Amino acid sequence: MVKVHHLVRISGGNRIMANLNPSPVASIALLAIALLTGCATAPTPYQPATELHGYTSENVGDGLISVGFRGNSETSRDEVEASLFHRMVEIAEEESAGSFTIVGRETACTTTLRTAPDTTCTYHQSADALFPYYFGVYELDSPWHSKPKREYEAVATIRLSPEPVCRDYADCFITTDARAAISKNSE
């Protein structure tokens, strides 16, 4: 049997030692809770992609660079998009670009849920209102239905410019200004 000693503070600041002698079933339940709590997932950190999560970048030719960031189910859409922007700024700095222009971008959501003991359904949705795409199946009446797990992925294509000038381009950023904005937001 497991003996648990617990220090309890009661009103007035007095402390007492309480001996708790849980049953074996309660001990197993406490152990299970401790193990499950220890397995909690943290949001995807800003890092190169490992397995599926993190940032990627690839030179696709004609002066264009494809940049992406995929978060796990604990990473919000805002965090994914902020990490994507962070990576764009890093690339511009690495290439000594004075500015960069986003020529295309999209954020997509993948929702996965368990619908049967051996079946997992995946549902993809584009954030682009003009060209949404969906596939997958929800089996909402299944007794195995689980809480949906959502993962966001943001991708963009950027063009670098040696000059720190944006003119009238809506999605153009001066590299030093973008870095200052990131630094300010992380304070």
N, C-alpha and C. Protein backbone atom coordinates (compact mmCIF):
# COMPACT_ATOMS: atom_id res chain seq x y z
N MET A 1 0.85 -1.17 0.00
CA MET A 1 0.00 0.00 0.00
C MET A 1 0.89 1.23 0.00
N VAL A 2 0.44 2.26 -0.70
CA VAL A 2 1.17 3.51 -0.80
C VAL A 2 0.70 4.44 0.30
N LYS A 3 1.64 5.02 1.04
CA LYS A 3 1.30 6.02 2.05
C LYS A 3 1.66 7.38 1.48
N VAL A 4 0.70 8.28 1.52
CA VAL A 4 0.92 9.62 1.00
C VAL A 4 0.83 10.59 2.16
N HIS A 5 1.85 11.41 2.31
CA HIS A 5 1.84 12.45 3.33
C HIS A 5 1.62 13.77 2.62
N HIS A 6 0.72 14.56 3.11
CA HIS A 6 0.37 15.81 2.45
C HIS A 6 0.41 16.92 3.48
N LEU A 7 1.15 17.97 3.20
CA LEU A 7 1.24 19.12 4.08
C LEU A 7 0.09 20.06 3.73
N VAL A 8 -0.75 20.36 4.70
CA VAL A 8 -1.93 21.18 4.47
C VAL A 8 -1.79 22.47 5.27
N ARG A 9 -2.05 23.60 4.65
CA ARG A 9 -2.05 24.90 5.34
C ARG A 9 -3.51 25.27 5.58
N ILE A 10 -3.83 25.52 6.81
CA ILE A 10 -5.20 25.90 7.14
C ILE A 10 -5.22 27.36 7.52
N SER A 11 -6.43 27.92 7.68
CA SER A 11 -6.54 29.34 7.96
C SER A 11 -5.75 29.70 9.20
N GLY A 12 -5.19 30.87 9.20
CA GLY A 12 -4.36 31.32 10.31
C GLY A 12 -2.90 30.95 10.11
N GLY A 13 -2.57 30.30 9.01
CA GLY A 13 -1.19 29.97 8.70
C GLY A 13 -0.69 28.71 9.38
N ASN A 14 -1.52 28.03 10.17
CA ASN A 14 -1.09 26.80 10.82
C ASN A 14 -0.94 25.69 9.78
N ARG A 15 0.03 24.84 10.01
CA ARG A 15 0.25 23.72 9.10
C ARG A 15 0.02 22.42 9.84
N ILE A 16 -0.57 21.48 9.16
CA ILE A 16 -0.73 20.15 9.74
C ILE A 16 -0.29 19.13 8.71
N MET A 17 0.14 18.00 9.17
CA MET A 17 0.54 16.90 8.28
C MET A 17 -0.61 15.92 8.24
N ALA A 18 -1.12 15.65 7.07
CA ALA A 18 -2.23 14.71 6.93
C ALA A 18 -1.68 13.43 6.30
N ASN A 19 -2.02 12.32 6.88
CA ASN A 19 -1.66 11.02 6.30
C ASN A 19 -2.82 10.53 5.46
N LEU A 20 -2.57 10.31 4.22
CA LEU A 20 -3.59 9.78 3.32
C LEU A 20 -3.16 8.38 2.93
N ASN A 21 -3.98 7.42 3.17
CA ASN A 21 -3.69 6.05 2.80
C ASN A 21 -4.73 5.57 1.82
N PRO A 22 -4.52 5.90 0.54
CA PRO A 22 -5.52 5.55 -0.46
C PRO A 22 -5.56 4.06 -0.72
N SER A 23 -6.67 3.63 -1.23
CA SER A 23 -6.82 2.22 -1.61
C SER A 23 -5.94 1.97 -2.84
N PRO A 24 -5.67 0.70 -3.15
CA PRO A 24 -4.88 0.40 -4.35
C PRO A 24 -5.51 0.98 -5.63
N VAL A 25 -6.82 0.96 -5.72
CA VAL A 25 -7.49 1.52 -6.90
C VAL A 25 -7.22 3.01 -6.99
N ALA A 26 -7.31 3.71 -5.86
CA ALA A 26 -7.05 5.15 -5.86
C ALA A 26 -5.59 5.43 -6.20
N SER A 27 -4.68 4.59 -5.73
CA SER A 27 -3.26 4.76 -6.05
C SER A 27 -3.02 4.63 -7.54
N ILE A 28 -3.66 3.66 -8.15
CA ILE A 28 -3.51 3.46 -9.60
C ILE A 28 -4.10 4.66 -10.34
N ALA A 29 -5.25 5.15 -9.88
CA ALA A 29 -5.88 6.31 -10.52
C ALA A 29 -4.98 7.53 -10.41
N LEU A 30 -4.37 7.76 -9.24
CA LEU A 30 -3.46 8.89 -9.07
C LEU A 30 -2.25 8.76 -9.98
N LEU A 31 -1.71 7.54 -10.09
CA LEU A 31 -0.57 7.32 -10.98
C LEU A 31 -0.95 7.58 -12.43
N ALA A 32 -2.13 7.12 -12.85
CA ALA A 32 -2.58 7.34 -14.22
C ALA A 32 -2.73 8.83 -14.52
N ILE A 33 -3.30 9.57 -13.58
CA ILE A 33 -3.45 11.02 -13.76
C ILE A 33 -2.09 11.69 -13.88
N ALA A 34 -1.14 11.27 -13.03
CA ALA A 34 0.20 11.86 -13.09
C ALA A 34 0.86 11.57 -14.43
N LEU A 35 0.71 10.35 -14.91
CA LEU A 35 1.32 10.00 -16.20
C LEU A 35 0.68 10.76 -17.34
N LEU A 36 -0.64 10.86 -17.34
CA LEU A 36 -1.33 11.58 -18.41
C LEU A 36 -0.99 13.06 -18.39
N THR A 37 -0.88 13.64 -17.23
CA THR A 37 -0.52 15.04 -17.13
C THR A 37 0.88 15.27 -17.66
N GLY A 38 1.77 14.33 -17.43
CA GLY A 38 3.14 14.44 -17.91
C GLY A 38 3.25 14.31 -19.41
N CYS A 39 2.23 13.75 -20.05
CA CYS A 39 2.26 13.55 -21.50
C CYS A 39 1.64 14.71 -22.26
N ALA A 40 1.25 15.75 -21.58
CA ALA A 40 0.63 16.89 -22.26
C ALA A 40 1.59 17.46 -23.30
N THR A 41 1.04 17.81 -24.43
CA THR A 41 1.84 18.32 -25.54
C THR A 41 1.93 19.84 -25.44
N ALA A 42 3.09 20.38 -25.76
CA ALA A 42 3.29 21.83 -25.79
C ALA A 42 3.18 22.30 -27.23
N PRO A 43 2.90 23.59 -27.42
CA PRO A 43 2.86 24.11 -28.79
C PRO A 43 4.19 23.88 -29.50
N THR A 44 4.14 23.78 -30.81
CA THR A 44 5.35 23.59 -31.61
C THR A 44 6.27 24.79 -31.44
N PRO A 45 7.51 24.57 -31.02
CA PRO A 45 8.44 25.70 -30.90
C PRO A 45 8.90 26.16 -32.29
N TYR A 46 9.42 27.38 -32.35
CA TYR A 46 9.98 27.88 -33.61
C TYR A 46 11.29 27.14 -33.82
N GLN A 47 11.33 26.26 -34.81
CA GLN A 47 12.49 25.42 -35.08
C GLN A 47 12.36 24.83 -36.48
N PRO A 48 13.48 24.33 -37.03
CA PRO A 48 13.36 23.63 -38.32
C PRO A 48 12.42 22.43 -38.15
N ALA A 49 11.75 22.06 -39.23
CA ALA A 49 10.78 20.97 -39.16
C ALA A 49 11.45 19.68 -38.73
N THR A 50 10.85 19.05 -37.73
CA THR A 50 11.24 17.71 -37.30
C THR A 50 9.99 16.88 -37.45
N GLU A 51 10.09 15.76 -38.15
CA GLU A 51 8.90 14.99 -38.49
C GLU A 51 8.00 15.90 -39.33
N LEU A 52 6.89 16.32 -38.79
CA LEU A 52 5.95 17.16 -39.54
C LEU A 52 5.93 18.61 -39.10
N HIS A 53 6.38 18.92 -37.90
CA HIS A 53 6.14 20.23 -37.30
C HIS A 53 7.40 21.09 -37.26
N GLY A 54 7.20 22.39 -37.51
CA GLY A 54 8.30 23.35 -37.54
C GLY A 54 8.29 24.07 -38.88
N TYR A 55 9.40 24.78 -39.17
CA TYR A 55 9.42 25.56 -40.42
C TYR A 55 10.23 24.86 -41.51
N THR A 56 9.87 25.21 -42.74
CA THR A 56 10.57 24.72 -43.93
C THR A 56 10.77 25.90 -44.86
N SER A 57 11.73 25.80 -45.74
CA SER A 57 11.91 26.80 -46.79
C SER A 57 12.65 26.14 -47.95
N GLU A 58 12.33 26.61 -49.15
CA GLU A 58 12.91 26.03 -50.35
C GLU A 58 12.94 27.08 -51.46
N ASN A 59 14.07 27.18 -52.13
CA ASN A 59 14.19 28.07 -53.28
C ASN A 59 13.48 27.37 -54.45
N VAL A 60 12.45 28.03 -54.99
CA VAL A 60 11.67 27.40 -56.06
C VAL A 60 11.98 27.99 -57.44
N GLY A 61 12.99 28.82 -57.53
CA GLY A 61 13.39 29.39 -58.81
C GLY A 61 12.76 30.73 -59.09
N ASP A 62 13.30 31.42 -60.10
CA ASP A 62 12.83 32.74 -60.50
C ASP A 62 12.83 33.74 -59.35
N GLY A 63 13.77 33.58 -58.41
CA GLY A 63 13.87 34.49 -57.28
C GLY A 63 12.80 34.32 -56.23
N LEU A 64 12.09 33.20 -56.27
CA LEU A 64 11.02 32.94 -55.31
C LEU A 64 11.45 31.89 -54.28
N ILE A 65 10.99 32.08 -53.05
CA ILE A 65 11.29 31.14 -51.98
C ILE A 65 9.97 30.72 -51.35
N SER A 66 9.76 29.41 -51.24
CA SER A 66 8.58 28.87 -50.57
C SER A 66 8.92 28.68 -49.10
N VAL A 67 8.06 29.19 -48.23
CA VAL A 67 8.29 29.13 -46.79
C VAL A 67 7.04 28.52 -46.15
N GLY A 68 7.23 27.68 -45.15
CA GLY A 68 6.08 27.07 -44.48
C GLY A 68 6.33 26.89 -43.00
N PHE A 69 5.26 26.81 -42.25
CA PHE A 69 5.34 26.46 -40.83
C PHE A 69 4.10 25.64 -40.50
N ARG A 70 4.34 24.49 -39.88
CA ARG A 70 3.24 23.63 -39.46
C ARG A 70 3.33 23.41 -37.96
N GLY A 71 2.21 23.65 -37.27
CA GLY A 71 2.16 23.47 -35.83
C GLY A 71 1.44 22.18 -35.47
N ASN A 72 1.64 21.75 -34.24
CA ASN A 72 0.92 20.58 -33.74
C ASN A 72 -0.46 21.02 -33.25
N SER A 73 -1.20 20.12 -32.64
CA SER A 73 -2.57 20.42 -32.24
C SER A 73 -2.65 21.42 -31.09
N GLU A 74 -1.55 21.72 -30.44
CA GLU A 74 -1.53 22.71 -29.35
C GLU A 74 -1.09 24.09 -29.84
N THR A 75 -0.79 24.23 -31.12
CA THR A 75 -0.32 25.49 -31.68
C THR A 75 -1.47 26.19 -32.39
N SER A 76 -1.77 27.40 -31.95
CA SER A 76 -2.90 28.14 -32.53
C SER A 76 -2.58 28.62 -33.95
N ARG A 77 -3.63 28.98 -34.65
CA ARG A 77 -3.46 29.53 -36.00
C ARG A 77 -2.59 30.79 -35.95
N ASP A 78 -2.84 31.67 -34.98
CA ASP A 78 -2.05 32.90 -34.85
C ASP A 78 -0.58 32.61 -34.63
N GLU A 79 -0.28 31.60 -33.79
CA GLU A 79 1.12 31.23 -33.53
C GLU A 79 1.78 30.68 -34.80
N VAL A 80 1.04 29.89 -35.56
CA VAL A 80 1.58 29.34 -36.81
C VAL A 80 1.89 30.47 -37.79
N GLU A 81 0.96 31.40 -37.95
CA GLU A 81 1.18 32.50 -38.89
C GLU A 81 2.31 33.43 -38.42
N ALA A 82 2.42 33.64 -37.12
CA ALA A 82 3.52 34.46 -36.59
C ALA A 82 4.87 33.78 -36.83
N SER A 83 4.92 32.46 -36.67
CA SER A 83 6.16 31.72 -36.92
C SER A 83 6.53 31.73 -38.39
N LEU A 84 5.53 31.68 -39.26
CA LEU A 84 5.79 31.78 -40.70
C LEU A 84 6.42 33.13 -41.02
N PHE A 85 5.84 34.20 -40.48
CA PHE A 85 6.39 35.54 -40.72
C PHE A 85 7.81 35.66 -40.17
N HIS A 86 8.03 35.10 -38.98
CA HIS A 86 9.36 35.10 -38.38
C HIS A 86 10.38 34.45 -39.33
N ARG A 87 9.99 33.32 -39.92
CA ARG A 87 10.89 32.62 -40.84
C ARG A 87 11.15 33.46 -42.09
N MET A 88 10.13 34.15 -42.60
CA MET A 88 10.33 35.01 -43.78
C MET A 88 11.36 36.10 -43.47
N VAL A 89 11.26 36.70 -42.30
CA VAL A 89 12.21 37.75 -41.90
C VAL A 89 13.61 37.16 -41.79
N GLU A 90 13.74 35.99 -41.18
CA GLU A 90 15.06 35.35 -41.07
C GLU A 90 15.69 35.10 -42.44
N ILE A 91 14.89 34.61 -43.37
CA ILE A 91 15.41 34.35 -44.73
C ILE A 91 15.88 35.65 -45.36
N ALA A 92 15.09 36.71 -45.24
CA ALA A 92 15.48 38.01 -45.80
C ALA A 92 16.79 38.49 -45.17
N GLU A 93 16.95 38.30 -43.87
CA GLU A 93 18.19 38.70 -43.19
C GLU A 93 19.37 37.84 -43.65
N GLU A 94 19.16 36.52 -43.75
CA GLU A 94 20.23 35.62 -44.20
C GLU A 94 20.71 35.96 -45.61
N GLU A 95 19.79 36.42 -46.46
CA GLU A 95 20.13 36.75 -47.84
C GLU A 95 20.47 38.23 -48.02
N SER A 96 20.56 38.97 -46.91
CA SER A 96 20.88 40.41 -46.92
C SER A 96 19.91 41.20 -47.80
N ALA A 97 18.66 40.81 -47.77
CA ALA A 97 17.63 41.51 -48.56
C ALA A 97 17.15 42.73 -47.79
N GLY A 98 16.97 43.82 -48.50
CA GLY A 98 16.45 45.03 -47.87
C GLY A 98 14.96 44.96 -47.62
N SER A 99 14.27 44.16 -48.45
CA SER A 99 12.82 44.00 -48.29
C SER A 99 12.41 42.66 -48.90
N PHE A 100 11.19 42.27 -48.60
CA PHE A 100 10.63 41.06 -49.22
C PHE A 100 9.14 41.27 -49.44
N THR A 101 8.64 40.62 -50.48
CA THR A 101 7.23 40.72 -50.83
C THR A 101 6.61 39.33 -50.78
N ILE A 102 5.45 39.24 -50.15
CA ILE A 102 4.71 37.98 -50.14
C ILE A 102 3.86 37.95 -51.41
N VAL A 103 4.15 37.00 -52.29
CA VAL A 103 3.43 36.92 -53.56
C VAL A 103 2.30 35.90 -53.53
N GLY A 104 2.24 35.10 -52.50
CA GLY A 104 1.16 34.12 -52.33
C GLY A 104 1.23 33.55 -50.94
N ARG A 105 0.06 33.29 -50.34
CA ARG A 105 0.06 32.70 -49.00
C ARG A 105 -1.27 32.01 -48.74
N GLU A 106 -1.23 31.08 -47.81
CA GLU A 106 -2.43 30.35 -47.41
C GLU A 106 -2.20 29.71 -46.06
N THR A 107 -3.26 29.63 -45.28
CA THR A 107 -3.24 28.88 -44.02
C THR A 107 -4.33 27.83 -44.12
N ALA A 108 -3.98 26.60 -43.85
CA ALA A 108 -4.94 25.50 -43.92
C ALA A 108 -5.04 24.83 -42.56
N CYS A 109 -6.18 24.22 -42.32
CA CYS A 109 -6.44 23.51 -41.07
C CYS A 109 -6.70 22.05 -41.41
N THR A 110 -6.06 21.15 -40.69
CA THR A 110 -6.34 19.73 -40.81
C THR A 110 -6.97 19.28 -39.50
N THR A 111 -8.14 18.69 -39.56
CA THR A 111 -8.83 18.19 -38.38
C THR A 111 -8.85 16.68 -38.44
N THR A 112 -8.40 16.04 -37.39
CA THR A 112 -8.38 14.58 -37.32
C THR A 112 -9.19 14.15 -36.12
N LEU A 113 -9.98 13.11 -36.29
CA LEU A 113 -10.69 12.55 -35.16
C LEU A 113 -10.81 11.05 -35.30
N ARG A 114 -10.90 10.40 -34.18
CA ARG A 114 -11.03 8.95 -34.14
C ARG A 114 -12.52 8.63 -34.16
N THR A 115 -12.93 7.78 -35.11
CA THR A 115 -14.35 7.46 -35.26
C THR A 115 -14.65 6.00 -34.94
N ALA A 116 -13.65 5.18 -34.85
CA ALA A 116 -13.81 3.77 -34.51
C ALA A 116 -12.48 3.31 -33.93
N PRO A 117 -12.45 2.14 -33.30
CA PRO A 117 -11.19 1.71 -32.69
C PRO A 117 -10.00 1.73 -33.64
N ASP A 118 -10.20 1.40 -34.90
CA ASP A 118 -9.09 1.35 -35.84
C ASP A 118 -9.25 2.32 -37.00
N THR A 119 -10.09 3.33 -36.87
CA THR A 119 -10.34 4.25 -37.96
C THR A 119 -10.12 5.69 -37.51
N THR A 120 -9.38 6.42 -38.30
CA THR A 120 -9.19 7.84 -38.06
C THR A 120 -9.58 8.57 -39.33
N CYS A 121 -10.41 9.56 -39.21
CA CYS A 121 -10.82 10.35 -40.36
C CYS A 121 -10.12 11.70 -40.33
N THR A 122 -9.74 12.16 -41.48
CA THR A 122 -9.06 13.44 -41.58
C THR A 122 -9.89 14.35 -42.47
N TYR A 123 -9.99 15.61 -42.05
CA TYR A 123 -10.79 16.61 -42.74
C TYR A 123 -9.89 17.81 -42.96
N HIS A 124 -9.69 18.21 -44.19
CA HIS A 124 -8.82 19.34 -44.51
C HIS A 124 -9.68 20.51 -44.96
N GLN A 125 -9.33 21.68 -44.50
CA GLN A 125 -10.06 22.88 -44.92
C GLN A 125 -9.06 23.98 -45.21
N SER A 126 -9.21 24.58 -46.37
CA SER A 126 -8.39 25.72 -46.73
C SER A 126 -9.00 26.96 -46.10
N ALA A 127 -8.16 27.90 -45.72
CA ALA A 127 -8.65 29.16 -45.18
C ALA A 127 -9.01 30.13 -46.30
N ASP A 128 -8.69 29.79 -47.53
CA ASP A 128 -8.97 30.63 -48.68
C ASP A 128 -10.45 30.54 -49.03
N ALA A 129 -11.19 31.61 -48.83
CA ALA A 129 -12.64 31.60 -49.06
C ALA A 129 -12.99 31.38 -50.53
N LEU A 130 -12.11 31.78 -51.44
CA LEU A 130 -12.42 31.62 -52.87
C LEU A 130 -12.22 30.19 -53.35
N PHE A 131 -11.25 29.49 -52.78
CA PHE A 131 -10.94 28.14 -53.23
C PHE A 131 -10.83 27.17 -52.06
N PRO A 132 -11.90 27.00 -51.30
CA PRO A 132 -11.82 26.04 -50.19
C PRO A 132 -11.78 24.62 -50.72
N TYR A 133 -11.11 23.75 -50.01
CA TYR A 133 -11.14 22.36 -50.39
C TYR A 133 -11.41 21.56 -49.12
N TYR A 134 -12.20 20.53 -49.27
CA TYR A 134 -12.58 19.70 -48.14
C TYR A 134 -12.49 18.25 -48.57
N PHE A 135 -12.03 17.40 -47.71
CA PHE A 135 -12.19 15.98 -47.92
C PHE A 135 -12.06 15.28 -46.59
N GLY A 136 -12.64 14.11 -46.52
CA GLY A 136 -12.70 13.39 -45.26
C GLY A 136 -14.14 13.19 -44.88
N VAL A 137 -14.36 12.46 -43.82
CA VAL A 137 -15.70 12.13 -43.39
C VAL A 137 -15.78 12.26 -41.88
N TYR A 138 -16.86 12.84 -41.42
CA TYR A 138 -17.16 12.84 -40.00
C TYR A 138 -18.20 11.76 -39.74
N GLU A 139 -17.97 10.89 -38.81
CA GLU A 139 -18.95 9.90 -38.39
C GLU A 139 -19.37 10.29 -36.99
N LEU A 140 -20.24 11.29 -36.89
CA LEU A 140 -20.58 11.87 -35.59
C LEU A 140 -21.36 10.93 -34.69
N ASP A 141 -22.01 9.91 -35.25
CA ASP A 141 -22.79 8.99 -34.43
C ASP A 141 -21.96 7.85 -33.87
N SER A 142 -20.70 7.79 -34.19
CA SER A 142 -19.85 6.71 -33.72
C SER A 142 -19.63 6.80 -32.21
N PRO A 143 -19.73 5.67 -31.50
CA PRO A 143 -19.44 5.70 -30.06
C PRO A 143 -17.96 5.96 -29.78
N TRP A 144 -17.12 5.84 -30.79
CA TRP A 144 -15.68 6.05 -30.62
C TRP A 144 -15.28 7.48 -30.96
N HIS A 145 -16.25 8.32 -31.26
CA HIS A 145 -15.97 9.69 -31.67
C HIS A 145 -15.10 10.39 -30.63
N SER A 146 -14.03 10.99 -31.07
CA SER A 146 -13.11 11.68 -30.16
C SER A 146 -13.19 13.18 -30.37
N LYS A 147 -12.54 13.91 -29.51
CA LYS A 147 -12.45 15.36 -29.67
C LYS A 147 -11.60 15.64 -30.91
N PRO A 148 -12.05 16.52 -31.80
CA PRO A 148 -11.24 16.82 -32.99
C PRO A 148 -9.88 17.39 -32.63
N LYS A 149 -8.87 16.98 -33.37
CA LYS A 149 -7.51 17.49 -33.19
C LYS A 149 -7.21 18.34 -34.42
N ARG A 150 -6.96 19.63 -34.20
CA ARG A 150 -6.73 20.56 -35.32
C ARG A 150 -5.26 20.95 -35.38
N GLU A 151 -4.71 20.91 -36.59
CA GLU A 151 -3.35 21.37 -36.83
C GLU A 151 -3.40 22.38 -37.97
N TYR A 152 -2.68 23.49 -37.78
CA TYR A 152 -2.63 24.54 -38.80
C TYR A 152 -1.29 24.51 -39.50
N GLU A 153 -1.34 24.78 -40.80
CA GLU A 153 -0.13 24.91 -41.60
C GLU A 153 -0.27 26.16 -42.45
N ALA A 154 0.74 27.03 -42.37
CA ALA A 154 0.75 28.26 -43.18
C ALA A 154 1.90 28.15 -44.16
N VAL A 155 1.64 28.50 -45.41
CA VAL A 155 2.67 28.51 -46.45
C VAL A 155 2.61 29.84 -47.18
N ALA A 156 3.76 30.26 -47.65
CA ALA A 156 3.83 31.51 -48.41
C ALA A 156 4.97 31.41 -49.42
N THR A 157 4.86 32.21 -50.45
CA THR A 157 5.95 32.36 -51.42
C THR A 157 6.37 33.81 -51.34
N ILE A 158 7.69 34.02 -51.18
CA ILE A 158 8.20 35.39 -51.08
C ILE A 158 9.23 35.67 -52.17
N ARG A 159 9.35 36.95 -52.49
CA ARG A 159 10.37 37.42 -53.42
C ARG A 159 11.21 38.44 -52.66
N LEU A 160 12.52 38.24 -52.67
CA LEU A 160 13.45 39.12 -51.96
C LEU A 160 13.91 40.25 -52.87
N SER A 161 14.18 41.41 -52.27
CA SER A 161 14.70 42.55 -53.02
C SER A 161 15.89 43.11 -52.25
N PRO A 162 16.96 43.49 -52.96
CA PRO A 162 18.12 44.05 -52.25
C PRO A 162 17.84 45.44 -51.68
N GLU A 163 16.85 46.14 -52.22
CA GLU A 163 16.55 47.50 -51.79
C GLU A 163 15.53 47.52 -50.65
N PRO A 164 15.75 48.38 -49.66
CA PRO A 164 14.77 48.51 -48.57
C PRO A 164 13.61 49.46 -48.96
N VAL A 165 12.98 49.13 -50.07
CA VAL A 165 11.90 49.98 -50.61
C VAL A 165 10.72 49.07 -50.94
N CYS A 166 9.51 49.51 -50.59
CA CYS A 166 8.32 48.71 -50.88
C CYS A 166 7.37 49.36 -51.89
N ARG A 167 7.55 50.64 -52.16
CA ARG A 167 6.63 51.37 -53.03
C ARG A 167 5.19 51.18 -52.56
N ASP A 168 4.30 50.81 -53.46
CA ASP A 168 2.89 50.68 -53.10
C ASP A 168 2.44 49.22 -52.93
N TYR A 169 3.38 48.31 -52.79
CA TYR A 169 3.03 46.89 -52.67
C TYR A 169 2.41 46.62 -51.30
N ALA A 170 1.24 46.01 -51.30
CA ALA A 170 0.51 45.78 -50.05
C ALA A 170 1.21 44.77 -49.14
N ASP A 171 1.76 43.72 -49.71
CA ASP A 171 2.39 42.68 -48.89
C ASP A 171 3.91 42.74 -48.96
N CYS A 172 4.44 43.94 -48.96
CA CYS A 172 5.89 44.15 -48.98
C CYS A 172 6.32 44.63 -47.60
N PHE A 173 7.46 44.14 -47.14
CA PHE A 173 7.97 44.48 -45.82
C PHE A 173 9.44 44.84 -45.90
N ILE A 174 9.81 45.96 -45.27
CA ILE A 174 11.23 46.33 -45.12
C ILE A 174 11.79 45.38 -44.06
N THR A 175 12.88 44.71 -44.35
CA THR A 175 13.41 43.68 -43.47
C THR A 175 13.69 44.19 -42.06
N THR A 176 14.34 45.35 -41.94
CA THR A 176 14.66 45.86 -40.60
C THR A 176 13.40 46.23 -39.81
N ASP A 177 12.39 46.76 -40.50
CA ASP A 177 11.13 47.10 -39.83
C ASP A 177 10.41 45.83 -39.36
N ALA A 178 10.45 44.79 -40.20
CA ALA A 178 9.80 43.53 -39.84
C ALA A 178 10.50 42.90 -38.63
N ARG A 179 11.83 42.96 -38.59
CA ARG A 179 12.57 42.43 -37.44
C ARG A 179 12.22 43.21 -36.18
N ALA A 180 12.12 44.51 -36.29
CA ALA A 180 11.78 45.35 -35.13
C ALA A 180 10.37 44.99 -34.63
N ALA A 181 9.44 44.73 -35.53
CA ALA A 181 8.08 44.36 -35.14
C ALA A 181 8.06 43.01 -34.41
N ILE A 182 8.86 42.07 -34.90
CA ILE A 182 8.94 40.77 -34.23
C ILE A 182 9.54 40.92 -32.83
N SER A 183 10.61 41.70 -32.73
CA SER A 183 11.25 41.92 -31.44
C SER A 183 10.31 42.59 -30.46
N LYS A 184 9.54 43.55 -30.94
CA LYS A 184 8.60 44.27 -30.08
C LYS A 184 7.50 43.34 -29.58
N ASN A 185 7.01 42.46 -30.45
CA ASN A 185 5.93 41.52 -30.07
C ASN A 185 6.40 40.44 -29.12
N SER A 186 7.69 40.13 -29.12
CA SER A 186 8.19 39.06 -28.24
C SER A 186 8.56 39.58 -26.86
N GLU A 187 8.47 40.88 -26.65
CA GLU A 187 8.80 41.45 -25.33
C GLU A 187 7.70 41.22 -24.35
